[in-house]
PDB file of N, CA and C in Angstrom:
ATOM      1  N   MET A   1     -17.880 -44.691 -62.484  1.00  0.00           N
ATOM      2  CA  MET A   1     -17.285 -43.417 -62.075  1.00  0.00           C
ATOM      3  C   MET A   1     -17.859 -42.323 -62.975  1.00  0.00           C
ATOM      4  N   ASP A   2     -18.238 -41.221 -62.387  1.00  0.00           N
ATOM      5  CA  ASP A   2     -18.827 -40.151 -63.189  1.00  0.00           C
ATOM      6  C   ASP A   2     -17.755 -39.430 -64.011  1.00  0.00           C
ATOM      7  N   LYS A   3     -18.201 -38.700 -65.005  1.00  0.00           N
ATOM      8  CA  LYS A   3     -17.266 -38.055 -65.936  1.00  0.00           C
ATOM      9  C   LYS A   3     -16.368 -37.030 -65.259  1.00  0.00           C
ATOM     10  N   LEU A   4     -16.936 -36.263 -64.350  1.00  0.00           N
ATOM     11  CA  LEU A   4     -16.157 -35.230 -63.673  1.00  0.00           C
ATOM     12  C   LEU A   4     -15.023 -35.863 -62.869  1.00  0.00           C
ATOM     13  N   ARG A   5     -15.340 -36.914 -62.140  1.00  0.00           N
ATOM     14  CA  ARG A   5     -14.304 -37.612 -61.353  1.00  0.00           C
ATOM     15  C   ARG A   5     -13.267 -38.249 -62.273  1.00  0.00           C
ATOM     16  N   THR A   6     -13.695 -38.792 -63.393  1.00  0.00           N
ATOM     17  CA  THR A   6     -12.758 -39.380 -64.349  1.00  0.00           C
ATOM     18  C   THR A   6     -11.812 -38.309 -64.890  1.00  0.00           C
ATOM     19  N   LEU A   7     -12.350 -37.134 -65.220  1.00  0.00           N
ATOM     20  CA  LEU A   7     -11.494 -36.053 -65.719  1.00  0.00           C
ATOM     21  C   LEU A   7     -10.519 -35.579 -64.651  1.00  0.00           C
ATOM     22  N   LYS A   8     -10.984 -35.480 -63.408  1.00  0.00           N
ATOM     23  CA  LYS A   8     -10.081 -35.092 -62.318  1.00  0.00           C
ATOM     24  C   LYS A   8      -8.982 -36.140 -62.134  1.00  0.00           C
ATOM     25  N   THR A   9      -9.319 -37.395 -62.311  1.00  0.00           N
ATOM     26  CA  THR A   9      -8.332 -38.473 -62.216  1.00  0.00           C
ATOM     27  C   THR A   9      -7.294 -38.330 -63.321  1.00  0.00           C
ATOM     28  N   PHE A  10      -7.753 -38.098 -64.543  1.00  0.00           N
ATOM     29  CA  PHE A  10      -6.832 -37.894 -65.662  1.00  0.00           C
ATOM     30  C   PHE A  10      -5.903 -36.709 -65.400  1.00  0.00           C
ATOM     31  N   ILE A  11      -6.471 -35.597 -64.921  1.00  0.00           N
ATOM     32  CA  ILE A  11      -5.670 -34.404 -64.642  1.00  0.00           C
ATOM     33  C   ILE A  11      -4.595 -34.710 -63.605  1.00  0.00           C
ATOM     34  N   CYS A  12      -4.969 -35.412 -62.556  1.00  0.00           N
ATOM     35  CA  CYS A  12      -4.014 -35.738 -61.501  1.00  0.00           C
ATOM     36  C   CYS A  12      -2.895 -36.636 -62.026  1.00  0.00           C
ATOM     37  N   VAL A  13      -3.241 -37.633 -62.819  1.00  0.00           N
ATOM     38  CA  VAL A  13      -2.212 -38.515 -63.405  1.00  0.00           C
ATOM     39  C   VAL A  13      -1.281 -37.703 -64.289  1.00  0.00           C
ATOM     40  N   ALA A  14      -1.825 -36.827 -65.098  1.00  0.00           N
ATOM     41  CA  ALA A  14      -1.015 -36.010 -66.001  1.00  0.00           C
ATOM     42  C   ALA A  14      -0.099 -35.077 -65.212  1.00  0.00           C
ATOM     43  N   GLN A  15      -0.612 -34.473 -64.157  1.00  0.00           N
ATOM     44  CA  GLN A  15       0.199 -33.545 -63.367  1.00  0.00           C
ATOM     45  C   GLN A  15       1.298 -34.266 -62.597  1.00  0.00           C
ATOM     46  N   GLN A  16       0.987 -35.442 -62.088  1.00  0.00           N
ATOM     47  CA  GLN A  16       1.966 -36.192 -61.296  1.00  0.00           C
ATOM     48  C   GLN A  16       2.884 -37.056 -62.153  1.00  0.00           C
ATOM     49  N   ALA A  17       2.480 -37.271 -63.405  1.00  0.00           N
ATOM     50  CA  ALA A  17       3.213 -38.174 -64.315  1.00  0.00           C
ATOM     51  C   ALA A  17       3.405 -39.538 -63.666  1.00  0.00           C
ATOM     52  N   SER A  18       2.377 -39.950 -62.912  1.00  0.00           N
ATOM     53  CA  SER A  18       2.464 -41.228 -62.203  1.00  0.00           C
ATOM     54  C   SER A  18       1.070 -41.682 -61.796  1.00  0.00           C
ATOM     55  N   PHE A  19       0.761 -42.931 -62.119  1.00  0.00           N
ATOM     56  CA  PHE A  19      -0.517 -43.494 -61.694  1.00  0.00           C
ATOM     57  C   PHE A  19      -0.501 -43.736 -60.190  1.00  0.00           C
ATOM     58  N   ALA A  20       0.622 -44.209 -59.679  1.00  0.00           N
ATOM     59  CA  ALA A  20       0.718 -44.511 -58.249  1.00  0.00           C
ATOM     60  C   ALA A  20       0.576 -43.248 -57.403  1.00  0.00           C
ATOM     61  N   GLU A  21       1.251 -42.173 -57.783  1.00  0.00           N
ATOM     62  CA  GLU A  21       1.161 -40.923 -57.025  1.00  0.00           C
ATOM     63  C   GLU A  21      -0.243 -40.323 -57.127  1.00  0.00           C
ATOM     64  N   ALA A  22      -0.831 -40.391 -58.302  1.00  0.00           N
ATOM     65  CA  ALA A  22      -2.210 -39.906 -58.460  1.00  0.00           C
ATOM     66  C   ALA A  22      -3.151 -40.714 -57.574  1.00  0.00           C
ATOM     67  N   ALA A  23      -2.950 -42.012 -57.519  1.00  0.00           N
ATOM     68  CA  ALA A  23      -3.790 -42.872 -56.676  1.00  0.00           C
ATOM     69  C   ALA A  23      -3.663 -42.472 -55.211  1.00  0.00           C
ATOM     70  N   ARG A  24      -2.454 -42.191 -54.755  1.00  0.00           N
ATOM     71  CA  ARG A  24      -2.258 -41.762 -53.366  1.00  0.00           C
ATOM     72  C   ARG A  24      -2.973 -40.437 -53.099  1.00  0.00           C
ATOM     73  N   GLN A  25      -2.816 -39.492 -54.005  1.00  0.00           N
ATOM     74  CA  GLN A  25      -3.438 -38.186 -53.810  1.00  0.00           C
ATOM     75  C   GLN A  25      -4.964 -38.248 -53.858  1.00  0.00           C
ATOM     76  N   LEU A  26      -5.491 -39.120 -54.683  1.00  0.00           N
ATOM     77  CA  LEU A  26      -6.942 -39.235 -54.838  1.00  0.00           C
ATOM     78  C   LEU A  26      -7.567 -40.247 -53.889  1.00  0.00           C
ATOM     79  N   ASP A  27      -6.734 -40.915 -53.088  1.00  0.00           N
ATOM     80  CA  ASP A  27      -7.179 -41.947 -52.161  1.00  0.00           C
ATOM     81  C   ASP A  27      -7.935 -43.051 -52.903  1.00  0.00           C
ATOM     82  N   MET A  28      -7.305 -43.515 -53.976  1.00  0.00           N
ATOM     83  CA  MET A  28      -7.850 -44.591 -54.796  1.00  0.00           C
ATOM     84  C   MET A  28      -6.754 -45.636 -54.972  1.00  0.00           C
ATOM     85  N   SER A  29      -7.121 -46.795 -55.470  1.00  0.00           N
ATOM     86  CA  SER A  29      -6.101 -47.782 -55.800  1.00  0.00           C
ATOM     87  C   SER A  29      -5.496 -47.421 -57.155  1.00  0.00           C
ATOM     88  N   ALA A  30      -4.258 -47.837 -57.367  1.00  0.00           N
ATOM     89  CA  ALA A  30      -3.604 -47.573 -58.649  1.00  0.00           C
ATOM     90  C   ALA A  30      -4.361 -48.255 -59.785  1.00  0.00           C
ATOM     91  N   ALA A  31      -4.915 -49.419 -59.497  1.00  0.00           N
ATOM     92  CA  ALA A  31      -5.688 -50.140 -60.524  1.00  0.00           C
ATOM     93  C   ALA A  31      -6.938 -49.346 -60.916  1.00  0.00           C
ATOM     94  N   SER A  32      -7.601 -48.727 -59.933  1.00  0.00           N
ATOM     95  CA  SER A  32      -8.796 -47.924 -60.230  1.00  0.00           C
ATOM     96  C   SER A  32      -8.443 -46.714 -61.080  1.00  0.00           C
ATOM     97  N   VAL A  33      -7.339 -46.088 -60.750  1.00  0.00           N
ATOM     98  CA  VAL A  33      -6.887 -44.930 -61.526  1.00  0.00           C
ATOM     99  C   VAL A  33      -6.575 -45.355 -62.952  1.00  0.00           C
ATOM    100  N   SER A  34      -5.861 -46.450 -63.092  1.00  0.00           N
ATOM    101  CA  SER A  34      -5.497 -46.960 -64.422  1.00  0.00           C
ATOM    102  C   SER A  34      -6.740 -47.303 -65.236  1.00  0.00           C
ATOM    103  N   ARG A  35      -7.713 -47.959 -64.604  1.00  0.00           N
ATOM    104  CA  ARG A  35      -8.959 -48.307 -65.299  1.00  0.00           C
ATOM    105  C   ARG A  35      -9.722 -47.060 -65.729  1.00  0.00           C
ATOM    106  N   ALA A  36      -9.763 -46.049 -64.866  1.00  0.00           N
ATOM    107  CA  ALA A  36     -10.490 -44.817 -65.193  1.00  0.00           C
ATOM    108  C   ALA A  36      -9.873 -44.127 -66.406  1.00  0.00           C
ATOM    109  N   VAL A  37      -8.543 -44.035 -66.423  1.00  0.00           N
ATOM    110  CA  VAL A  37      -7.873 -43.379 -67.553  1.00  0.00           C
ATOM    111  C   VAL A  37      -8.025 -44.213 -68.818  1.00  0.00           C
ATOM    112  N   ALA A  38      -7.914 -45.522 -68.698  1.00  0.00           N
ATOM    113  CA  ALA A  38      -8.086 -46.399 -69.863  1.00  0.00           C
ATOM    114  C   ALA A  38      -9.504 -46.278 -70.426  1.00  0.00           C
ATOM    115  N   ALA A  39     -10.493 -46.212 -69.540  1.00  0.00           N
ATOM    116  CA  ALA A  39     -11.888 -46.070 -69.993  1.00  0.00           C
ATOM    117  C   ALA A  39     -12.087 -44.729 -70.685  1.00  0.00           C
ATOM    118  N   LEU A  40     -11.479 -43.673 -70.147  1.00  0.00           N
ATOM    119  CA  LEU A  40     -11.571 -42.348 -70.772  1.00  0.00           C
ATOM    120  C   LEU A  40     -10.963 -42.385 -72.171  1.00  0.00           C
ATOM    121  N   GLU A  41      -9.785 -42.971 -72.286  1.00  0.00           N
ATOM    122  CA  GLU A  41      -9.136 -43.053 -73.597  1.00  0.00           C
ATOM    123  C   GLU A  41      -9.954 -43.885 -74.573  1.00  0.00           C
ATOM    124  N   ALA A  42     -10.546 -44.958 -74.094  1.00  0.00           N
ATOM    125  CA  ALA A  42     -11.382 -45.791 -74.965  1.00  0.00           C
ATOM    126  C   ALA A  42     -12.614 -45.018 -75.423  1.00  0.00           C
ATOM    127  N   GLN A  43     -13.201 -44.263 -74.510  1.00  0.00           N
ATOM    128  CA  GLN A  43     -14.379 -43.464 -74.851  1.00  0.00           C
ATOM    129  C   GLN A  43     -14.034 -42.396 -75.882  1.00  0.00           C
ATOM    130  N   LEU A  44     -12.862 -41.776 -75.735  1.00  0.00           N
ATOM    131  CA  LEU A  44     -12.454 -40.712 -76.649  1.00  0.00           C
ATOM    132  C   LEU A  44     -11.855 -41.252 -77.947  1.00  0.00           C
ATOM    133  N   GLY A  45     -11.386 -42.481 -77.909  1.00  0.00           N
ATOM    134  CA  GLY A  45     -10.828 -43.099 -79.100  1.00  0.00           C
ATOM    135  C   GLY A  45      -9.408 -42.661 -79.430  1.00  0.00           C
ATOM    136  N   VAL A  46      -8.742 -41.983 -78.508  1.00  0.00           N
ATOM    137  CA  VAL A  46      -7.374 -41.522 -78.732  1.00  0.00           C
ATOM    138  C   VAL A  46      -6.592 -41.685 -77.441  1.00  0.00           C
ATOM    139  N   GLN A  47      -5.378 -42.182 -77.551  1.00  0.00           N
ATOM    140  CA  GLN A  47      -4.528 -42.319 -76.373  1.00  0.00           C
ATOM    141  C   GLN A  47      -4.055 -40.940 -75.918  1.00  0.00           C
ATOM    142  N   ARG A  48      -4.252 -40.630 -74.651  1.00  0.00           N
ATOM    143  CA  ARG A  48      -3.865 -39.330 -74.089  1.00  0.00           C
ATOM    144  C   ARG A  48      -2.566 -39.407 -73.305  1.00  0.00           C
ATOM    145  N   LEU A  49      -2.229 -40.602 -72.828  1.00  0.00           N
ATOM    146  CA  LEU A  49      -1.008 -40.799 -72.056  1.00  0.00           C
ATOM    147  C   LEU A  49      -0.162 -41.892 -72.694  1.00  0.00           C
ATOM    148  N   ARG A  50       1.114 -41.658 -72.772  1.00  0.00           N
ATOM    149  CA  ARG A  50       2.061 -42.659 -73.250  1.00  0.00           C
ATOM    150  C   ARG A  50       2.699 -43.277 -72.020  1.00  0.00           C
ATOM    151  N   ARG A  51       2.496 -44.576 -71.850  1.00  0.00           N
ATOM    152  CA  ARG A  51       2.974 -45.273 -70.665  1.00  0.00           C
ATOM    153  C   ARG A  51       4.155 -46.163 -71.004  1.00  0.00           C
ATOM    154  N   THR A  52       5.148 -46.128 -70.143  1.00  0.00           N
ATOM    155  CA  THR A  52       6.234 -47.113 -70.190  1.00  0.00           C
ATOM    156  C   THR A  52       6.358 -47.660 -68.772  1.00  0.00           C
ATOM    157  N   THR A  53       7.248 -48.606 -68.581  1.00  0.00           N
ATOM    158  CA  THR A  53       7.412 -49.159 -67.234  1.00  0.00           C
ATOM    159  C   THR A  53       7.997 -48.133 -66.275  1.00  0.00           C
ATOM    160  N   ARG A  54       8.643 -47.090 -66.797  1.00  0.00           N
ATOM    161  CA  ARG A  54       9.294 -46.099 -65.940  1.00  0.00           C
ATOM    162  C   ARG A  54       8.660 -44.714 -65.963  1.00  0.00           C
ATOM    163  N   SER A  55       7.784 -44.444 -66.918  1.00  0.00           N
ATOM    164  CA  SER A  55       7.256 -43.081 -66.992  1.00  0.00           C
ATOM    165  C   SER A  55       5.855 -43.037 -67.598  1.00  0.00           C
ATOM    166  N   VAL A  56       5.206 -41.919 -67.344  1.00  0.00           N
ATOM    167  CA  VAL A  56       3.906 -41.611 -67.938  1.00  0.00           C
ATOM    168  C   VAL A  56       4.041 -40.208 -68.509  1.00  0.00           C
ATOM    169  N   ARG A  57       3.806 -40.090 -69.817  1.00  0.00           N
ATOM    170  CA  ARG A  57       3.909 -38.778 -70.472  1.00  0.00           C
ATOM    171  C   ARG A  57       2.661 -38.532 -71.290  1.00  0.00           C
ATOM    172  N   LEU A  58       2.330 -37.264 -71.441  1.00  0.00           N
ATOM    173  CA  LEU A  58       1.187 -36.889 -72.263  1.00  0.00           C
ATOM    174  C   LEU A  58       1.539 -36.955 -73.742  1.00  0.00           C
ATOM    175  N   THR A  59       0.597 -37.429 -74.548  1.00  0.00           N
ATOM    176  CA  THR A  59       0.740 -37.308 -75.993  1.00  0.00           C
ATOM    177  C   THR A  59       0.373 -35.870 -76.356  1.00  0.00           C
ATOM    178  N   GLN A  60       0.568 -35.478 -77.595  1.00  0.00           N
ATOM    179  CA  GLN A  60       0.167 -34.119 -77.992  1.00  0.00           C
ATOM    180  C   GLN A  60      -1.334 -33.930 -77.809  1.00  0.00           C
ATOM    181  N   GLU A  61      -2.107 -34.956 -78.137  1.00  0.00           N
ATOM    182  CA  GLU A  61      -3.553 -34.887 -77.908  1.00  0.00           C
ATOM    183  C   GLU A  61      -3.845 -34.745 -76.417  1.00  0.00           C
ATOM    184  N   GLY A  62      -3.030 -35.414 -75.605  1.00  0.00           N
ATOM    185  CA  GLY A  62      -3.181 -35.334 -74.157  1.00  0.00           C
ATOM    186  C   GLY A  62      -2.894 -33.948 -73.621  1.00  0.00           C
ATOM    187  N   VAL A  63      -1.882 -33.284 -74.168  1.00  0.00           N
ATOM    188  CA  VAL A  63      -1.540 -31.920 -73.754  1.00  0.00           C
ATOM    189  C   VAL A  63      -2.721 -30.988 -74.033  1.00  0.00           C
ATOM    190  N   ASP A  64      -3.266 -31.077 -75.223  1.00  0.00           N
ATOM    191  CA  ASP A  64      -4.411 -30.237 -75.592  1.00  0.00           C
ATOM    192  C   ASP A  64      -5.633 -30.540 -74.718  1.00  0.00           C
ATOM    193  N   PHE A  65      -5.887 -31.824 -74.517  1.00  0.00           N
ATOM    194  CA  PHE A  65      -7.035 -32.255 -73.727  1.00  0.00           C
ATOM    195  C   PHE A  65      -6.885 -31.808 -72.276  1.00  0.00           C
ATOM    196  N   LEU A  66      -5.680 -31.927 -71.728  1.00  0.00           N
ATOM    197  CA  LEU A  66      -5.417 -31.525 -70.348  1.00  0.00           C
ATOM    198  C   LEU A  66      -5.722 -30.041 -70.146  1.00  0.00           C
ATOM    199  N   ALA A  67      -5.267 -29.207 -71.061  1.00  0.00           N
ATOM    200  CA  ALA A  67      -5.500 -27.761 -70.935  1.00  0.00           C
ATOM    201  C   ALA A  67      -6.994 -27.449 -70.914  1.00  0.00           C
ATOM    202  N   ARG A  68      -7.742 -28.094 -71.776  1.00  0.00           N
ATOM    203  CA  ARG A  68      -9.193 -27.856 -71.816  1.00  0.00           C
ATOM    204  C   ARG A  68      -9.894 -28.406 -70.578  1.00  0.00           C
ATOM    205  N   CYS A  69      -9.442 -29.558 -70.115  1.00  0.00           N
ATOM    206  CA  CYS A  69     -10.036 -30.146 -68.910  1.00  0.00           C
ATOM    207  C   CYS A  69      -9.789 -29.262 -67.699  1.00  0.00           C
ATOM    208  N   GLN A  70      -8.569 -28.769 -67.556  1.00  0.00           N
ATOM    209  CA  GLN A  70      -8.253 -27.910 -66.412  1.00  0.00           C
ATOM    210  C   GLN A  70      -9.103 -26.643 -66.430  1.00  0.00           C
ATOM    211  N   ALA A  71      -9.255 -26.047 -67.601  1.00  0.00           N
ATOM    212  CA  ALA A  71     -10.086 -24.840 -67.709  1.00  0.00           C
ATOM    213  C   ALA A  71     -11.540 -25.163 -67.377  1.00  0.00           C
ATOM    214  N   GLY A  72     -12.029 -26.276 -67.874  1.00  0.00           N
ATOM    215  CA  GLY A  72     -13.415 -26.671 -67.616  1.00  0.00           C
ATOM    216  C   GLY A  72     -13.664 -26.977 -66.149  1.00  0.00           C
ATOM    217  N   ILE A  73     -12.753 -27.696 -65.518  1.00  0.00           N
ATOM    218  CA  ILE A  73     -12.895 -28.035 -64.100  1.00  0.00           C
ATOM    219  C   ILE A  73     -12.879 -26.761 -63.262  1.00  0.00           C
ATOM    220  N   THR A  74     -12.001 -25.822 -63.617  1.00  0.00           N
ATOM    221  CA  THR A  74     -11.935 -24.549 -62.893  1.00  0.00           C
ATOM    222  C   THR A  74     -13.264 -23.813 -62.987  1.00  0.00           C
ATOM    223  N   GLU A  75     -13.857 -23.772 -64.169  1.00  0.00           N
ATOM    224  CA  GLU A  75     -15.152 -23.111 -64.357  1.00  0.00           C
ATOM    225  C   GLU A  75     -16.262 -23.807 -63.568  1.00  0.00           C
ATOM    226  N   ILE A  76     -16.267 -25.120 -63.583  1.00  0.00           N
ATOM    227  CA  ILE A  76     -17.293 -25.880 -62.871  1.00  0.00           C
ATOM    228  C   ILE A  76     -17.166 -25.649 -61.366  1.00  0.00           C
ATOM    229  N   GLU A  77     -15.947 -25.698 -60.847  1.00  0.00           N
ATOM    230  CA  GLU A  77     -15.744 -25.467 -59.420  1.00  0.00           C
ATOM    231  C   GLU A  77     -16.133 -24.047 -59.031  1.00  0.00           C
ATOM    232  N   SER A  78     -15.853 -23.099 -59.899  1.00  0.00           N
ATOM    233  CA  SER A  78     -16.240 -21.708 -59.655  1.00  0.00           C
ATOM    234  C   SER A  78     -17.766 -21.575 -59.612  1.00  0.00           C
ATOM    235  N   ALA A  79     -18.435 -22.242 -60.526  1.00  0.00           N
ATOM    236  CA  ALA A  79     -19.903 -22.206 -60.555  1.00  0.00           C
ATOM    237  C   ALA A  79     -20.483 -22.797 -59.273  1.00  0.00           C
ATOM    238  N   TYR A  80     -19.897 -23.890 -58.787  1.00  0.00           N
ATOM    239  CA  TYR A  80     -20.359 -24.489 -57.540  1.00  0.00           C
ATOM    240  C   TYR A  80     -20.149 -23.538 -56.367  1.00  0.00           C
ATOM    241  N   GLU A  81     -19.009 -22.871 -56.320  1.00  0.00           N
ATOM    242  CA  GLU A  81     -18.732 -21.922 -55.240  1.00  0.00           C
ATOM    243  C   GLU A  81     -19.734 -20.774 -55.240  1.00  0.00           C
ATOM    244  N   ILE A  82     -20.014 -20.247 -56.407  1.00  0.00           N
ATOM    245  CA  ILE A  82     -20.985 -19.154 -56.518  1.00  0.00           C
ATOM    246  C   ILE A  82     -22.362 -19.628 -56.065  1.00  0.00           C
ATOM    247  N   ALA A  83     -22.745 -20.814 -56.490  1.00  0.00           N
ATOM    248  CA  ALA A  83     -24.056 -21.349 -56.114  1.00  0.00           C
ATOM    249  C   ALA A  83     -24.141 -21.587 -54.607  1.00  0.00           C
ATOM    250  N   ARG A  84     -23.060 -22.114 -54.012  1.00  0.00           N
ATOM    251  CA  ARG A  84     -23.049 -22.377 -52.572  1.00  0.00           C
ATOM    252  C   ARG A  84     -23.108 -21.093 -51.759  1.00  0.00           C
ATOM    253  N   SER A  85     -22.475 -20.046 -52.234  1.00  0.00           N
ATOM    254  CA  SER A  85     -22.403 -18.814 -51.454  1.00  0.00           C
ATOM    255  C   SER A  85     -23.625 -17.923 -51.663  1.00  0.00           C
ATOM    256  N   GLY A  86     -24.500 -18.296 -52.574  1.00  0.00           N
ATOM    257  CA  GLY A  86     -25.718 -17.527 -52.810  1.00  0.00           C
ATOM    258  C   GLY A  86     -25.479 -16.225 -53.537  1.00  0.00           C
ATOM    259  N   GLN A  87     -24.387 -16.119 -54.234  1.00  0.00           N
ATOM    260  CA  GLN A  87     -24.058 -14.882 -54.929  1.00  0.00           C
ATOM    261  C   GLN A  87     -24.451 -14.904 -56.394  1.00  0.00           C
ATOM    262  N   SER A  88     -25.330 -15.797 -56.758  1.00  0.00           N
ATOM    263  CA  SER A  88     -25.693 -15.880 -58.168  1.00  0.00           C
ATOM    264  C   SER A  88     -26.683 -14.795 -58.583  1.00  0.00           C
ATOM    265  N   GLY A  89     -27.328 -14.176 -57.620  1.00  0.00           N
ATOM    266  CA  GLY A  89     -28.308 -13.139 -57.936  1.00  0.00           C
ATOM    267  C   GLY A  89     -27.658 -11.770 -58.042  1.00  0.00           C
ATOM    268  N   PRO A  90     -28.430 -10.793 -58.435  1.00  0.00           N
ATOM    269  CA  PRO A  90     -27.904  -9.434 -58.564  1.00  0.00           C
ATOM    270  C   PRO A  90     -27.471  -8.875 -57.216  1.00  0.00           C
ATOM    271  N   ARG A  91     -26.478  -8.021 -57.238  1.00  0.00           N
ATOM    272  CA  ARG A  91     -25.962  -7.367 -56.034  1.00  0.00           C
ATOM    273  C   ARG A  91     -25.845  -5.877 -56.304  1.00  0.00           C
ATOM    274  N   GLY A  92     -25.864  -5.093 -55.243  1.00  0.00           N
ATOM    275  CA  GLY A  92     -25.617  -3.670 -55.388  1.00  0.00           C
ATOM    276  C   GLY A  92     -26.841  -2.837 -55.066  1.00  0.00           C
ATOM    277  N   THR A  93     -26.723  -1.574 -55.357  1.00  0.00           N
ATOM    278  CA  THR A  93     -27.787  -0.606 -55.080  1.00  0.00           C
ATOM    279  C   THR A  93     -28.690  -0.476 -56.288  1.00  0.00           C
ATOM    280  N   MET A  94     -29.981  -0.466 -56.023  1.00  0.00           N
ATOM    281  CA  MET A  94     -30.937  -0.297 -57.102  1.00  0.00           C
ATOM    282  C   MET A  94     -31.439   1.150 -57.074  1.00  0.00           C
ATOM    283  N   THR A  95     -31.437   1.763 -58.214  1.00  0.00           N
ATOM    284  CA  THR A  95     -32.006   3.103 -58.322  1.00  0.00           C
ATOM    285  C   THR A  95     -33.232   3.014 -59.217  1.00  0.00           C
ATOM    286  N   ARG A  96     -34.141   3.917 -58.993  1.00  0.00           N
ATOM    287  CA  ARG A  96     -35.333   3.927 -59.846  1.00  0.00           C
ATOM    288  C   ARG A  96     -35.618   5.366 -60.238  1.00  0.00           C
ATOM    289  N   ALA A  97     -36.188   5.501 -61.367  1.00  0.00           N
ATOM    290  CA  ALA A  97     -36.545   6.832 -61.863  1.00  0.00           C
ATOM    291  C   ALA A  97     -38.027   6.818 -62.215  1.00  0.00           C
ATOM    292  N   ALA A  98     -38.695   7.896 -61.891  1.00  0.00           N
ATOM    293  CA  ALA A  98     -40.126   8.015 -62.199  1.00  0.00           C
ATOM    294  C   ALA A  98     -40.466   9.491 -62.329  1.00  0.00           C
ATOM    295  N   ARG A  99     -41.512   9.753 -63.046  1.00  0.00           N
ATOM    296  CA  ARG A  99     -41.989  11.127 -63.170  1.00  0.00           C
ATOM    297  C   ARG A  99     -42.458  11.633 -61.806  1.00  0.00           C
ATOM    298  N   VAL A 100     -42.423  12.899 -61.649  1.00  0.00           N
ATOM    299  CA  VAL A 100     -42.879  13.504 -60.400  1.00  0.00           C
ATOM    300  C   VAL A 100     -44.335  13.150 -60.156  1.00  0.00           C
ATOM    301  N   SER A 101     -45.153  13.151 -61.201  1.00  0.00           N
ATOM    302  CA  SER A 101     -46.574  12.851 -61.026  1.00  0.00           C
ATOM    303  C   SER A 101     -46.773  11.421 -60.511  1.00  0.00           C
ATOM    304  N   PHE A 102     -45.975  10.485 -60.972  1.00  0.00           N
ATOM    305  CA  PHE A 102     -46.056   9.103 -60.474  1.00  0.00           C
ATOM    306  C   PHE A 102     -45.647   9.066 -59.005  1.00  0.00           C
ATOM    307  N   HIS A 103     -44.588   9.755 -58.714  1.00  0.00           N
ATOM    308  CA  HIS A 103     -44.077   9.794 -57.347  1.00  0.00           C
ATOM    309  C   HIS A 103     -45.134  10.348 -56.399  1.00  0.00           C
ATOM    310  N   GLU A 104     -45.743  11.438 -56.792  1.00  0.00           N
ATOM    311  CA  GLU A 104     -46.738  12.079 -55.922  1.00  0.00           C
ATOM    312  C   GLU A 104     -47.993  11.221 -55.775  1.00  0.00           C
ATOM    313  N   GLY A 105     -48.373  10.550 -56.841  1.00  0.00           N
ATOM    314  CA  GLY A 105     -49.622   9.788 -56.808  1.00  0.00           C
ATOM    315  C   GLY A 105     -49.503   8.398 -56.208  1.00  0.00           C
ATOM    316  N   TYR A 106     -48.361   7.766 -56.309  1.00  0.00           N
ATOM    317  CA  TYR A 106     -48.247   6.379 -55.887  1.00  0.00           C
ATOM    318  C   TYR A 106     -47.234   6.156 -54.770  1.00  0.00           C
ATOM    319  N   ILE A 107     -46.074   6.696 -54.920  1.00  0.00           N
ATOM    320  CA  ILE A 107     -45.030   6.403 -53.944  1.00  0.00           C
ATOM    321  C   ILE A 107     -45.313   7.054 -52.610  1.00  0.00           C
ATOM    322  N   ASP A 108     -45.742   8.316 -52.623  1.00  0.00           N
ATOM    323  CA  ASP A 108     -46.017   8.997 -51.358  1.00  0.00           C
ATOM    324  C   ASP A 108     -47.188   8.366 -50.609  1.00  0.00           C
ATOM    325  N   THR A 109     -48.124   7.750 -51.341  1.00  0.00           N
ATOM    326  CA  THR A 109     -49.315   7.194 -50.691  1.00  0.00           C
ATOM    327  C   THR A 109     -49.206   5.700 -50.436  1.00  0.00           C
ATOM    328  N   ALA A 110     -48.151   5.079 -50.897  1.00  0.00           N
ATOM    329  CA  ALA A 110     -48.011   3.643 -50.700  1.00  0.00           C
ATOM    330  C   ALA A 110     -47.710   3.338 -49.235  1.00  0.00           C
ATOM    331  N   PRO A 111     -48.303   2.258 -48.708  1.00  0.00           N
ATOM    332  CA  PRO A 111     -48.016   1.897 -47.325  1.00  0.00           C
ATOM    333  C   PRO A 111     -46.540   1.506 -47.166  1.00  0.00           C
ATOM    334  N   ALA A 112     -45.994   1.700 -46.001  1.00  0.00           N
ATOM    335  CA  ALA A 112     -44.594   1.393 -45.744  1.00  0.00           C
ATOM    336  C   ALA A 112     -44.335  -0.092 -46.014  1.00  0.00           C
ATOM    337  N   GLY A 113     -43.248  -0.358 -46.708  1.00  0.00           N
ATOM    338  CA  GLY A 113     -42.864  -1.741 -47.038  1.00  0.00           C
ATOM    339  C   GLY A 113     -43.527  -2.293 -48.278  1.00  0.00           C
ATOM    340  N   ALA A 114     -44.420  -1.544 -48.906  1.00  0.00           N
ATOM    341  CA  ALA A 114     -45.119  -2.048 -50.087  1.00  0.00           C
ATOM    342  C   ALA A 114     -44.225  -1.994 -51.317  1.00  0.00           C
ATOM    343  N   LEU A 115     -43.254  -1.113 -51.306  1.00  0.00           N
ATOM    344  CA  LEU A 115     -42.404  -0.984 -52.481  1.00  0.00           C
ATOM    345  C   LEU A 115     -41.096  -1.642 -52.308  1.00  0.00           C
TER     346      LEU A 115
END
């Protein structure tokens, strides 16, 4: 599982406070969700979720990590939207300034569409 999907899985579990509900929302098995979060915690070396038979709660490290993950995911999704819509380039009206002598010598004599 790629890192982005793993982070989205962690975020969903944290928001739902349930592996089963996160699995339903993500259309994954509960075991896959549990493995993804366990692998993330192992990679980071710190437990982010405190699990009991009745609840799932964030540790303090988990609260901090969740906030950063949500901000990062929002930025990444925004970047994808901008890239998809083709709005990454400059927009607006361009103005140019030139001396009168330049204008008379080059712009007036330039073929249409050359500039």
